[in-house]
N, C-alpha and C. Protein backbone atom coordinates (compact mmCIF):
# COMPACT_ATOMS: atom_id res chain seq x y z
N UNK A 1 -17.41 13.25 -3.30
CA UNK A 1 -17.17 13.25 -1.86
C UNK A 1 -17.20 14.66 -1.29
N UNK A 2 -17.79 15.57 -2.06
CA UNK A 2 -18.04 16.93 -1.59
C UNK A 2 -16.78 17.65 -1.13
N UNK A 3 -15.64 17.35 -1.75
CA UNK A 3 -14.41 18.05 -1.42
C UNK A 3 -13.75 17.62 -0.12
N UNK A 4 -14.33 16.66 0.57
CA UNK A 4 -13.76 16.20 1.83
C UNK A 4 -12.80 15.04 1.59
N UNK A 5 -11.86 14.87 2.52
CA UNK A 5 -10.95 13.74 2.44
C UNK A 5 -11.68 12.46 2.84
N UNK A 6 -11.24 11.36 2.27
CA UNK A 6 -11.80 10.06 2.63
C UNK A 6 -11.64 9.83 4.14
N UNK A 7 -12.68 9.29 4.75
CA UNK A 7 -12.66 9.02 6.18
C UNK A 7 -12.35 7.54 6.41
N UNK A 8 -11.23 7.27 7.04
CA UNK A 8 -10.85 5.88 7.30
C UNK A 8 -11.07 5.48 8.76
N UNK A 9 -11.94 6.21 9.45
CA UNK A 9 -12.37 5.75 10.76
C UNK A 9 -13.37 4.61 10.58
N UNK A 10 -13.63 3.88 11.63
CA UNK A 10 -14.62 2.80 11.62
C UNK A 10 -14.27 1.69 10.63
N UNK A 11 -12.98 1.42 10.49
CA UNK A 11 -12.54 0.32 9.63
C UNK A 11 -12.52 -1.00 10.39
N UNK A 12 -12.71 -2.08 9.65
CA UNK A 12 -12.65 -3.42 10.26
C UNK A 12 -11.86 -4.34 9.35
N UNK A 13 -11.14 -5.28 9.96
CA UNK A 13 -10.54 -6.35 9.17
C UNK A 13 -11.66 -7.23 8.67
N UNK A 14 -11.65 -7.52 7.37
CA UNK A 14 -12.75 -8.27 6.77
C UNK A 14 -12.41 -9.73 6.53
N UNK A 15 -11.32 -9.99 5.80
CA UNK A 15 -10.99 -11.38 5.47
C UNK A 15 -9.57 -11.46 4.93
N UNK A 16 -8.95 -12.63 5.07
CA UNK A 16 -7.67 -12.93 4.41
C UNK A 16 -7.94 -13.90 3.28
N UNK A 17 -7.17 -13.78 2.21
CA UNK A 17 -7.40 -14.63 1.04
C UNK A 17 -6.07 -14.98 0.39
N UNK A 18 -6.04 -16.13 -0.25
CA UNK A 18 -4.91 -16.51 -1.09
C UNK A 18 -5.36 -16.85 -2.51
N UNK A 19 -6.68 -16.98 -2.69
CA UNK A 19 -7.24 -17.30 -4.01
C UNK A 19 -8.40 -16.36 -4.31
N UNK A 20 -8.69 -16.23 -5.61
CA UNK A 20 -9.74 -15.32 -6.05
C UNK A 20 -11.08 -15.66 -5.41
N UNK A 21 -11.39 -16.96 -5.30
CA UNK A 21 -12.70 -17.32 -4.75
C UNK A 21 -12.83 -17.05 -3.26
N UNK A 22 -11.74 -16.58 -2.64
CA UNK A 22 -11.81 -16.21 -1.23
C UNK A 22 -11.93 -14.69 -1.03
N UNK A 23 -11.88 -13.94 -2.11
CA UNK A 23 -12.04 -12.49 -1.99
C UNK A 23 -13.43 -12.17 -1.43
N UNK A 24 -13.59 -10.99 -0.80
CA UNK A 24 -14.90 -10.64 -0.25
C UNK A 24 -15.98 -10.61 -1.32
N UNK A 25 -17.12 -11.12 -0.96
CA UNK A 25 -18.28 -11.04 -1.84
C UNK A 25 -18.98 -9.71 -1.57
N UNK A 26 -19.60 -9.16 -2.61
CA UNK A 26 -20.19 -7.84 -2.50
C UNK A 26 -21.70 -7.91 -2.60
N UNK A 27 -22.37 -7.32 -1.62
CA UNK A 27 -23.82 -7.15 -1.69
C UNK A 27 -24.11 -5.72 -2.15
N UNK A 28 -24.76 -5.60 -3.28
CA UNK A 28 -25.02 -4.25 -3.80
C UNK A 28 -23.84 -3.74 -4.60
N UNK A 29 -23.74 -2.42 -4.77
CA UNK A 29 -22.65 -1.82 -5.56
C UNK A 29 -21.30 -2.18 -4.95
N UNK A 30 -20.33 -2.58 -5.78
CA UNK A 30 -19.02 -2.95 -5.24
C UNK A 30 -18.28 -1.75 -4.67
N UNK A 31 -17.57 -1.98 -3.57
CA UNK A 31 -16.73 -0.94 -2.99
C UNK A 31 -15.44 -0.81 -3.80
N UNK A 32 -14.99 0.41 -4.05
CA UNK A 32 -13.67 0.56 -4.69
C UNK A 32 -12.59 0.07 -3.74
N UNK A 33 -11.48 -0.40 -4.32
CA UNK A 33 -10.39 -0.93 -3.51
C UNK A 33 -9.08 -0.24 -3.87
N UNK A 34 -8.31 0.10 -2.85
CA UNK A 34 -6.96 0.63 -3.01
C UNK A 34 -6.01 -0.35 -2.35
N UNK A 35 -5.02 -0.80 -3.10
CA UNK A 35 -4.09 -1.82 -2.60
C UNK A 35 -2.80 -1.19 -2.08
N UNK A 36 -2.23 -1.82 -1.07
CA UNK A 36 -0.92 -1.44 -0.54
C UNK A 36 0.09 -2.46 -1.03
N UNK A 37 1.13 -2.00 -1.73
CA UNK A 37 2.20 -2.90 -2.17
C UNK A 37 3.54 -2.34 -1.68
N UNK A 38 4.47 -3.22 -1.45
CA UNK A 38 5.79 -2.80 -0.99
C UNK A 38 6.57 -3.98 -0.48
N UNK A 39 7.85 -3.79 -0.28
CA UNK A 39 8.66 -4.89 0.19
C UNK A 39 8.35 -5.18 1.66
N UNK A 40 8.76 -6.33 2.12
CA UNK A 40 8.52 -6.74 3.49
C UNK A 40 9.16 -5.75 4.46
N UNK A 41 8.46 -5.48 5.54
CA UNK A 41 8.96 -4.64 6.63
C UNK A 41 9.13 -3.18 6.24
N UNK A 42 8.38 -2.72 5.23
CA UNK A 42 8.50 -1.32 4.81
C UNK A 42 7.52 -0.42 5.56
N UNK A 43 6.59 -1.03 6.30
CA UNK A 43 5.68 -0.23 7.12
C UNK A 43 4.27 -0.11 6.59
N UNK A 44 3.80 -1.09 5.80
CA UNK A 44 2.45 -1.01 5.25
C UNK A 44 1.39 -1.05 6.36
N UNK A 45 1.58 -1.94 7.32
CA UNK A 45 0.60 -2.05 8.41
C UNK A 45 0.59 -0.80 9.28
N UNK A 46 1.77 -0.25 9.55
CA UNK A 46 1.84 0.99 10.34
C UNK A 46 1.18 2.14 9.60
N UNK A 47 1.36 2.20 8.29
CA UNK A 47 0.71 3.21 7.47
C UNK A 47 -0.80 3.11 7.60
N UNK A 48 -1.33 1.89 7.44
CA UNK A 48 -2.78 1.70 7.50
C UNK A 48 -3.31 2.06 8.88
N UNK A 49 -2.63 1.63 9.93
CA UNK A 49 -3.08 1.96 11.28
C UNK A 49 -3.10 3.47 11.51
N UNK A 50 -2.09 4.16 11.00
CA UNK A 50 -2.04 5.62 11.14
C UNK A 50 -3.20 6.27 10.40
N UNK A 51 -3.44 5.86 9.16
CA UNK A 51 -4.52 6.45 8.37
C UNK A 51 -5.88 6.21 9.01
N UNK A 52 -6.02 5.06 9.68
CA UNK A 52 -7.30 4.68 10.29
C UNK A 52 -7.44 5.13 11.74
N UNK A 53 -6.41 5.84 12.24
CA UNK A 53 -6.42 6.28 13.64
C UNK A 53 -6.60 5.12 14.61
N UNK A 54 -5.92 4.02 14.29
CA UNK A 54 -5.99 2.83 15.13
C UNK A 54 -4.59 2.28 15.33
N UNK A 55 -4.35 1.64 16.46
CA UNK A 55 -3.06 1.02 16.68
C UNK A 55 -3.06 -0.45 16.29
N UNK A 56 -4.24 -1.03 16.22
CA UNK A 56 -4.31 -2.48 16.11
C UNK A 56 -5.19 -2.98 14.97
N UNK A 57 -5.52 -2.12 14.00
CA UNK A 57 -6.36 -2.58 12.90
C UNK A 57 -5.60 -3.60 12.06
N UNK A 58 -4.38 -3.22 11.67
CA UNK A 58 -3.52 -4.14 10.91
C UNK A 58 -2.42 -4.63 11.84
N UNK A 59 -2.16 -5.89 11.79
CA UNK A 59 -1.16 -6.48 12.67
C UNK A 59 0.24 -6.11 12.19
N UNK A 60 1.06 -5.62 13.08
CA UNK A 60 2.44 -5.27 12.73
C UNK A 60 3.38 -6.31 13.32
N UNK A 61 4.54 -6.44 12.70
CA UNK A 61 5.53 -7.41 13.17
C UNK A 61 6.92 -6.91 12.86
N UNK A 62 7.86 -7.20 13.74
CA UNK A 62 9.25 -6.84 13.49
C UNK A 62 9.92 -7.88 12.59
N UNK A 63 9.22 -8.97 12.33
CA UNK A 63 9.78 -10.04 11.50
C UNK A 63 9.29 -9.90 10.07
N UNK A 64 10.17 -9.56 9.13
CA UNK A 64 9.75 -9.40 7.73
C UNK A 64 9.18 -10.69 7.16
N UNK A 65 8.25 -10.53 6.22
CA UNK A 65 7.70 -11.69 5.53
C UNK A 65 6.56 -12.37 6.26
N UNK A 66 6.08 -11.76 7.34
CA UNK A 66 5.04 -12.42 8.12
C UNK A 66 3.71 -12.45 7.39
N UNK A 67 3.38 -11.35 6.68
CA UNK A 67 2.11 -11.31 5.95
C UNK A 67 2.22 -12.18 4.70
N UNK A 68 1.46 -13.27 4.69
CA UNK A 68 1.54 -14.22 3.59
C UNK A 68 0.19 -14.40 2.90
N UNK A 69 -0.74 -13.51 3.20
CA UNK A 69 -2.07 -13.55 2.59
C UNK A 69 -2.42 -12.15 2.10
N UNK A 70 -3.47 -12.07 1.30
CA UNK A 70 -4.04 -10.78 0.92
C UNK A 70 -5.07 -10.43 1.98
N UNK A 71 -4.87 -9.32 2.66
CA UNK A 71 -5.74 -8.93 3.77
C UNK A 71 -6.63 -7.76 3.36
N UNK A 72 -7.93 -7.95 3.52
CA UNK A 72 -8.92 -6.95 3.13
C UNK A 72 -9.45 -6.24 4.36
N UNK A 73 -9.42 -4.90 4.30
CA UNK A 73 -9.93 -4.06 5.38
C UNK A 73 -11.07 -3.21 4.82
N UNK A 74 -12.20 -3.27 5.50
CA UNK A 74 -13.39 -2.58 4.98
C UNK A 74 -13.64 -1.28 5.75
N UNK A 75 -13.89 -0.22 4.97
CA UNK A 75 -14.24 1.08 5.50
C UNK A 75 -15.58 1.50 4.87
N UNK A 76 -16.21 2.56 5.38
CA UNK A 76 -17.52 2.93 4.83
C UNK A 76 -17.53 3.16 3.33
N UNK A 77 -16.45 3.75 2.77
CA UNK A 77 -16.47 4.14 1.36
C UNK A 77 -15.53 3.33 0.46
N UNK A 78 -14.73 2.46 1.04
CA UNK A 78 -13.80 1.67 0.23
C UNK A 78 -13.22 0.53 1.04
N UNK A 79 -12.49 -0.35 0.34
CA UNK A 79 -11.64 -1.33 0.99
C UNK A 79 -10.18 -0.95 0.76
N UNK A 80 -9.36 -1.20 1.76
CA UNK A 80 -7.91 -1.14 1.61
C UNK A 80 -7.40 -2.56 1.65
N UNK A 81 -6.57 -2.92 0.68
CA UNK A 81 -6.13 -4.30 0.52
C UNK A 81 -4.62 -4.37 0.69
N UNK A 82 -4.19 -5.07 1.71
CA UNK A 82 -2.76 -5.19 2.03
C UNK A 82 -2.22 -6.46 1.38
N UNK A 83 -1.35 -6.28 0.39
CA UNK A 83 -0.77 -7.42 -0.32
C UNK A 83 0.51 -7.89 0.37
N UNK A 84 0.86 -9.16 0.24
CA UNK A 84 2.10 -9.65 0.88
C UNK A 84 3.32 -8.85 0.45
N UNK A 85 4.21 -8.60 1.39
CA UNK A 85 5.44 -7.88 1.08
C UNK A 85 6.36 -8.73 0.21
N UNK A 86 7.10 -8.06 -0.64
CA UNK A 86 7.99 -8.78 -1.55
C UNK A 86 9.45 -8.53 -1.18
N UNK A 87 10.33 -9.35 -1.71
CA UNK A 87 11.76 -9.04 -1.68
C UNK A 87 12.51 -9.42 -0.42
N UNK A 88 11.93 -10.26 0.44
CA UNK A 88 12.67 -10.64 1.64
C UNK A 88 13.27 -12.02 1.44
N UNK A 89 14.58 -12.09 1.33
CA UNK A 89 15.26 -13.31 0.90
C UNK A 89 15.13 -14.45 1.90
N UNK A 90 14.97 -14.14 3.20
CA UNK A 90 14.97 -15.21 4.19
C UNK A 90 13.64 -15.95 4.27
N UNK A 91 12.62 -15.47 3.56
CA UNK A 91 11.40 -16.24 3.46
C UNK A 91 11.65 -17.41 2.51
N UNK A 92 11.13 -18.57 2.85
CA UNK A 92 11.37 -19.77 2.05
C UNK A 92 11.01 -19.52 0.58
N UNK A 93 11.85 -20.06 -0.32
CA UNK A 93 11.65 -19.83 -1.75
C UNK A 93 10.28 -20.31 -2.22
N UNK A 94 9.82 -21.42 -1.68
CA UNK A 94 8.52 -21.95 -2.11
C UNK A 94 7.38 -21.02 -1.71
N UNK A 95 7.55 -20.31 -0.57
CA UNK A 95 6.54 -19.35 -0.14
C UNK A 95 6.59 -18.13 -1.04
N UNK A 96 7.81 -17.62 -1.30
CA UNK A 96 7.94 -16.45 -2.17
C UNK A 96 7.41 -16.74 -3.57
N UNK A 97 7.58 -17.98 -4.02
CA UNK A 97 7.11 -18.36 -5.36
C UNK A 97 5.59 -18.25 -5.46
N UNK A 98 4.90 -18.42 -4.35
CA UNK A 98 3.44 -18.31 -4.36
C UNK A 98 2.98 -16.86 -4.34
N UNK A 99 3.78 -15.98 -3.70
CA UNK A 99 3.37 -14.60 -3.55
C UNK A 99 3.26 -13.88 -4.88
N UNK A 100 4.22 -14.12 -5.79
CA UNK A 100 4.20 -13.42 -7.07
C UNK A 100 2.90 -13.59 -7.81
N UNK A 101 2.50 -14.84 -8.10
CA UNK A 101 1.22 -15.05 -8.79
C UNK A 101 0.02 -14.53 -7.99
N UNK A 102 0.07 -14.66 -6.66
CA UNK A 102 -1.03 -14.19 -5.82
C UNK A 102 -1.22 -12.68 -5.97
N UNK A 103 -0.09 -11.95 -5.91
CA UNK A 103 -0.14 -10.49 -6.03
C UNK A 103 -0.56 -10.09 -7.44
N UNK A 104 0.06 -10.72 -8.44
CA UNK A 104 -0.23 -10.33 -9.83
C UNK A 104 -1.68 -10.63 -10.20
N UNK A 105 -2.20 -11.77 -9.74
CA UNK A 105 -3.59 -12.12 -10.04
C UNK A 105 -4.53 -11.06 -9.49
N UNK A 106 -4.30 -10.63 -8.25
CA UNK A 106 -5.15 -9.59 -7.68
C UNK A 106 -5.03 -8.31 -8.49
N UNK A 107 -3.82 -7.87 -8.76
CA UNK A 107 -3.62 -6.59 -9.45
C UNK A 107 -4.16 -6.61 -10.88
N UNK A 108 -4.10 -7.76 -11.53
CA UNK A 108 -4.55 -7.85 -12.93
C UNK A 108 -6.06 -8.04 -13.04
N UNK A 109 -6.65 -8.79 -12.11
CA UNK A 109 -8.01 -9.28 -12.32
C UNK A 109 -9.07 -8.63 -11.43
N UNK A 110 -8.69 -7.97 -10.39
CA UNK A 110 -9.68 -7.43 -9.45
C UNK A 110 -10.33 -6.18 -10.03
N UNK A 111 -11.57 -6.28 -10.44
CA UNK A 111 -12.26 -5.17 -11.10
C UNK A 111 -12.45 -3.98 -10.16
N UNK A 112 -12.56 -4.24 -8.87
CA UNK A 112 -12.79 -3.16 -7.92
C UNK A 112 -11.55 -2.32 -7.65
N UNK A 113 -10.38 -2.79 -8.08
CA UNK A 113 -9.14 -2.07 -7.83
C UNK A 113 -9.12 -0.76 -8.60
N UNK A 114 -8.94 0.36 -7.87
CA UNK A 114 -8.91 1.67 -8.53
C UNK A 114 -7.53 2.31 -8.45
N UNK A 115 -6.63 1.75 -7.66
CA UNK A 115 -5.31 2.34 -7.54
C UNK A 115 -4.48 1.64 -6.49
N UNK A 116 -3.21 2.01 -6.46
CA UNK A 116 -2.23 1.37 -5.58
C UNK A 116 -1.44 2.44 -4.83
N UNK A 117 -1.20 2.19 -3.55
CA UNK A 117 -0.19 2.93 -2.80
C UNK A 117 1.06 2.07 -2.79
N UNK A 118 2.10 2.53 -3.48
CA UNK A 118 3.36 1.78 -3.54
C UNK A 118 4.24 2.32 -2.42
N UNK A 119 4.49 1.48 -1.42
CA UNK A 119 5.18 1.91 -0.21
C UNK A 119 6.66 1.57 -0.32
N UNK A 120 7.51 2.58 -0.13
CA UNK A 120 8.96 2.39 -0.14
C UNK A 120 9.54 3.05 1.11
N UNK A 121 10.80 2.78 1.37
CA UNK A 121 11.49 3.31 2.55
C UNK A 121 12.26 4.56 2.15
N UNK A 122 11.89 5.70 2.73
CA UNK A 122 12.53 6.96 2.37
C UNK A 122 14.04 6.94 2.62
N UNK A 123 14.48 6.16 3.59
CA UNK A 123 15.89 6.18 3.98
C UNK A 123 16.82 5.62 2.92
N UNK A 124 16.27 4.75 2.06
CA UNK A 124 17.12 4.01 1.12
C UNK A 124 16.65 4.20 -0.32
N UNK A 125 17.57 4.08 -1.24
CA UNK A 125 17.19 4.06 -2.64
C UNK A 125 16.27 2.87 -2.89
N UNK A 126 15.20 3.05 -3.67
CA UNK A 126 14.32 1.92 -3.96
C UNK A 126 15.09 0.73 -4.50
N UNK A 127 14.69 -0.45 -4.07
CA UNK A 127 15.37 -1.68 -4.45
C UNK A 127 15.01 -2.07 -5.89
N UNK A 128 15.71 -3.06 -6.40
CA UNK A 128 15.38 -3.58 -7.74
C UNK A 128 13.96 -4.13 -7.76
N UNK A 129 13.51 -4.72 -6.64
CA UNK A 129 12.13 -5.21 -6.58
C UNK A 129 11.14 -4.05 -6.63
N UNK A 130 11.47 -2.95 -5.96
CA UNK A 130 10.63 -1.76 -6.03
C UNK A 130 10.54 -1.25 -7.47
N UNK A 131 11.67 -1.25 -8.17
CA UNK A 131 11.68 -0.80 -9.55
C UNK A 131 10.84 -1.71 -10.44
N UNK A 132 10.94 -3.01 -10.22
CA UNK A 132 10.13 -3.96 -10.99
C UNK A 132 8.65 -3.72 -10.77
N UNK A 133 8.28 -3.52 -9.51
CA UNK A 133 6.87 -3.27 -9.21
C UNK A 133 6.41 -1.98 -9.87
N UNK A 134 7.21 -0.92 -9.79
CA UNK A 134 6.83 0.36 -10.41
C UNK A 134 6.64 0.21 -11.91
N UNK A 135 7.56 -0.50 -12.56
CA UNK A 135 7.44 -0.70 -14.02
C UNK A 135 6.21 -1.53 -14.35
N UNK A 136 5.93 -2.54 -13.53
CA UNK A 136 4.75 -3.38 -13.78
C UNK A 136 3.47 -2.55 -13.68
N UNK A 137 3.36 -1.75 -12.63
CA UNK A 137 2.17 -0.91 -12.44
C UNK A 137 2.02 0.09 -13.58
N UNK A 138 3.14 0.70 -13.98
CA UNK A 138 3.09 1.67 -15.07
C UNK A 138 2.73 0.98 -16.38
N UNK A 139 3.32 -0.20 -16.62
CA UNK A 139 3.05 -0.93 -17.85
C UNK A 139 1.61 -1.38 -17.97
N UNK A 140 0.98 -1.67 -16.83
CA UNK A 140 -0.43 -2.10 -16.83
C UNK A 140 -1.38 -0.94 -16.54
N UNK A 141 -0.82 0.26 -16.50
CA UNK A 141 -1.61 1.48 -16.33
C UNK A 141 -2.48 1.44 -15.08
N UNK A 142 -1.91 0.95 -14.01
CA UNK A 142 -2.59 0.97 -12.72
C UNK A 142 -2.27 2.29 -12.03
N UNK A 143 -3.25 3.11 -11.71
CA UNK A 143 -2.97 4.38 -11.02
C UNK A 143 -2.18 4.11 -9.73
N UNK A 144 -1.12 4.87 -9.52
CA UNK A 144 -0.20 4.57 -8.43
C UNK A 144 0.26 5.84 -7.73
N UNK A 145 0.30 5.78 -6.41
CA UNK A 145 0.85 6.84 -5.57
C UNK A 145 2.01 6.23 -4.79
N UNK A 146 3.17 6.86 -4.86
CA UNK A 146 4.33 6.37 -4.10
C UNK A 146 4.38 7.06 -2.75
N UNK A 147 4.47 6.26 -1.69
CA UNK A 147 4.55 6.78 -0.33
C UNK A 147 5.88 6.33 0.27
N UNK A 148 6.70 7.28 0.67
CA UNK A 148 8.02 6.97 1.24
C UNK A 148 7.93 7.07 2.76
N UNK A 149 7.98 5.92 3.42
CA UNK A 149 7.75 5.85 4.86
C UNK A 149 9.03 6.03 5.66
N UNK A 150 8.85 6.03 6.98
CA UNK A 150 9.93 6.07 7.96
C UNK A 150 10.73 7.37 7.90
N UNK A 151 10.02 8.47 7.56
CA UNK A 151 10.68 9.76 7.49
C UNK A 151 11.26 10.19 8.84
N UNK A 152 10.65 9.72 9.93
CA UNK A 152 11.13 10.09 11.26
C UNK A 152 12.49 9.49 11.58
N UNK A 153 12.95 8.54 10.77
CA UNK A 153 14.22 7.87 11.03
C UNK A 153 15.42 8.67 10.50
N UNK A 154 15.17 9.71 9.72
CA UNK A 154 16.26 10.55 9.22
C UNK A 154 15.90 12.01 9.49
N UNK A 155 16.88 12.88 9.45
CA UNK A 155 16.64 14.29 9.75
C UNK A 155 15.80 14.93 8.65
N UNK A 156 14.98 15.88 9.05
CA UNK A 156 14.08 16.54 8.11
C UNK A 156 14.83 17.20 6.96
N UNK A 157 16.03 17.72 7.25
CA UNK A 157 16.81 18.37 6.22
C UNK A 157 17.25 17.45 5.09
N UNK A 158 17.23 16.15 5.35
CA UNK A 158 17.64 15.18 4.32
C UNK A 158 16.47 14.65 3.51
N UNK A 159 15.25 15.01 3.89
CA UNK A 159 14.08 14.50 3.17
C UNK A 159 14.10 14.83 1.68
N UNK A 160 14.36 16.09 1.29
CA UNK A 160 14.32 16.41 -0.14
C UNK A 160 15.32 15.58 -0.96
N UNK A 161 16.51 15.38 -0.41
CA UNK A 161 17.53 14.61 -1.12
C UNK A 161 17.07 13.16 -1.32
N UNK A 162 16.52 12.57 -0.28
CA UNK A 162 16.07 11.19 -0.37
C UNK A 162 14.84 11.06 -1.26
N UNK A 163 13.93 12.03 -1.17
CA UNK A 163 12.75 12.01 -2.03
C UNK A 163 13.15 12.14 -3.50
N UNK A 164 14.18 12.93 -3.77
CA UNK A 164 14.66 13.08 -5.14
C UNK A 164 15.18 11.76 -5.69
N UNK A 165 15.92 11.01 -4.86
CA UNK A 165 16.44 9.71 -5.30
C UNK A 165 15.28 8.77 -5.62
N UNK A 166 14.24 8.79 -4.77
CA UNK A 166 13.07 7.95 -5.02
C UNK A 166 12.40 8.32 -6.33
N UNK A 167 12.22 9.61 -6.57
CA UNK A 167 11.57 10.05 -7.80
C UNK A 167 12.40 9.67 -9.02
N UNK A 168 13.71 9.87 -8.95
CA UNK A 168 14.57 9.54 -10.08
C UNK A 168 14.56 8.04 -10.37
N UNK A 169 14.41 7.22 -9.33
CA UNK A 169 14.45 5.77 -9.51
C UNK A 169 13.11 5.22 -10.00
N UNK A 170 12.02 5.73 -9.46
CA UNK A 170 10.70 5.16 -9.76
C UNK A 170 9.89 6.01 -10.73
N UNK A 171 10.33 7.25 -10.96
CA UNK A 171 9.63 8.10 -11.91
C UNK A 171 8.39 8.76 -11.36
N UNK A 172 8.22 8.72 -10.03
CA UNK A 172 7.04 9.31 -9.40
C UNK A 172 7.48 10.09 -8.17
N UNK A 173 6.94 11.29 -8.01
CA UNK A 173 7.22 12.09 -6.81
C UNK A 173 6.57 11.41 -5.60
N UNK A 174 7.36 11.07 -4.57
CA UNK A 174 6.78 10.38 -3.42
C UNK A 174 6.14 11.33 -2.42
N UNK A 175 5.18 10.81 -1.67
CA UNK A 175 4.69 11.50 -0.48
C UNK A 175 5.56 11.07 0.69
N UNK A 176 6.21 12.02 1.34
CA UNK A 176 7.05 11.71 2.49
C UNK A 176 6.14 11.48 3.70
N UNK A 177 6.35 10.35 4.38
CA UNK A 177 5.38 9.92 5.39
C UNK A 177 6.07 9.34 6.61
N UNK A 178 5.47 9.57 7.77
CA UNK A 178 5.91 8.92 9.00
C UNK A 178 4.68 8.50 9.79
N UNK A 179 4.55 7.21 10.05
CA UNK A 179 3.44 6.73 10.87
C UNK A 179 3.60 7.19 12.31
N UNK A 180 4.82 7.37 12.74
CA UNK A 180 5.07 7.76 14.13
C UNK A 180 4.65 9.19 14.40
N UNK A 181 4.99 10.10 13.49
CA UNK A 181 4.68 11.52 13.72
C UNK A 181 3.41 11.99 13.00
N UNK A 182 2.95 11.22 12.02
CA UNK A 182 1.78 11.62 11.24
C UNK A 182 2.11 12.52 10.07
N UNK A 183 3.40 12.81 9.86
CA UNK A 183 3.81 13.60 8.70
C UNK A 183 3.33 12.90 7.42
N UNK A 184 2.69 13.64 6.53
CA UNK A 184 2.25 13.10 5.25
C UNK A 184 0.90 12.42 5.29
N UNK A 185 0.30 12.28 6.47
CA UNK A 185 -0.98 11.57 6.57
C UNK A 185 -2.06 12.23 5.72
N UNK A 186 -2.19 13.54 5.86
CA UNK A 186 -3.23 14.24 5.10
C UNK A 186 -2.99 14.12 3.60
N UNK A 187 -1.72 14.17 3.18
CA UNK A 187 -1.39 14.05 1.75
C UNK A 187 -1.78 12.68 1.21
N UNK A 188 -1.56 11.63 2.01
CA UNK A 188 -1.93 10.28 1.57
C UNK A 188 -3.45 10.17 1.48
N UNK A 189 -4.17 10.67 2.47
CA UNK A 189 -5.63 10.63 2.43
C UNK A 189 -6.16 11.42 1.23
N UNK A 190 -5.52 12.54 0.92
CA UNK A 190 -5.94 13.34 -0.24
C UNK A 190 -5.72 12.54 -1.53
N UNK A 191 -4.57 11.86 -1.63
CA UNK A 191 -4.27 11.06 -2.81
C UNK A 191 -5.28 9.93 -2.97
N UNK A 192 -5.65 9.29 -1.86
CA UNK A 192 -6.65 8.22 -1.91
C UNK A 192 -8.00 8.77 -2.33
N UNK A 193 -8.35 9.95 -1.83
CA UNK A 193 -9.61 10.58 -2.21
C UNK A 193 -9.63 10.85 -3.71
N UNK A 194 -8.52 11.34 -4.24
CA UNK A 194 -8.44 11.63 -5.67
C UNK A 194 -8.54 10.36 -6.51
N UNK A 195 -7.98 9.25 -6.01
CA UNK A 195 -8.12 7.98 -6.72
C UNK A 195 -9.60 7.58 -6.82
N UNK A 196 -10.31 7.75 -5.72
CA UNK A 196 -11.74 7.40 -5.71
C UNK A 196 -12.51 8.30 -6.68
N UNK A 197 -12.26 9.59 -6.61
CA UNK A 197 -12.97 10.52 -7.50
C UNK A 197 -12.68 10.21 -8.96
N UNK A 198 -11.42 9.90 -9.26
CA UNK A 198 -11.02 9.61 -10.65
C UNK A 198 -11.63 8.31 -11.17
N UNK A 199 -12.04 7.43 -10.26
CA UNK A 199 -12.56 6.13 -10.69
C UNK A 199 -14.02 6.21 -11.13
N UNK A 200 -14.70 7.31 -10.80
CA UNK A 200 -16.12 7.43 -11.15
C UNK A 200 -16.29 7.70 -12.64
């Protein structure tokens, strides 16, 4: 990519899927895919909109658990794949029971997957679900970048302390990020670029 950061302008929503046979079909060389994982209401859609310089590419909601499908977004050089959020107790158990296999099937079987952005909330210690996801990704050797969102919700002076807790819990240094202010945007784009380069 000639040393340049990945360009996430000109992105489009491509398709929603719940089964493998609904994933996008590829004409020609397959596009690499980077998946977004994280608990419900952690800001995955806001992150994607910020990276893509769009307000409305990914639908945002104040109601956790709304995303119940795997959503594929196509860009010139890759796809970004938004997986259903995990860990929200008020979603019906039968719905949550479907999400686990849906997420794991994609992460285990999708050949185009080159890495994951694991989204957590900087304000809080990662949850037990976050820890389970981190261990699963590490155990399956899926390249992973931890992004700690909502940095604008706490004072800048507290960022290092909160980032340290995230690193100690998940074993990965997080990128501190705010969709509202754009803090960390370039670092996330750089990490995504490195995932693409490493996949060649």
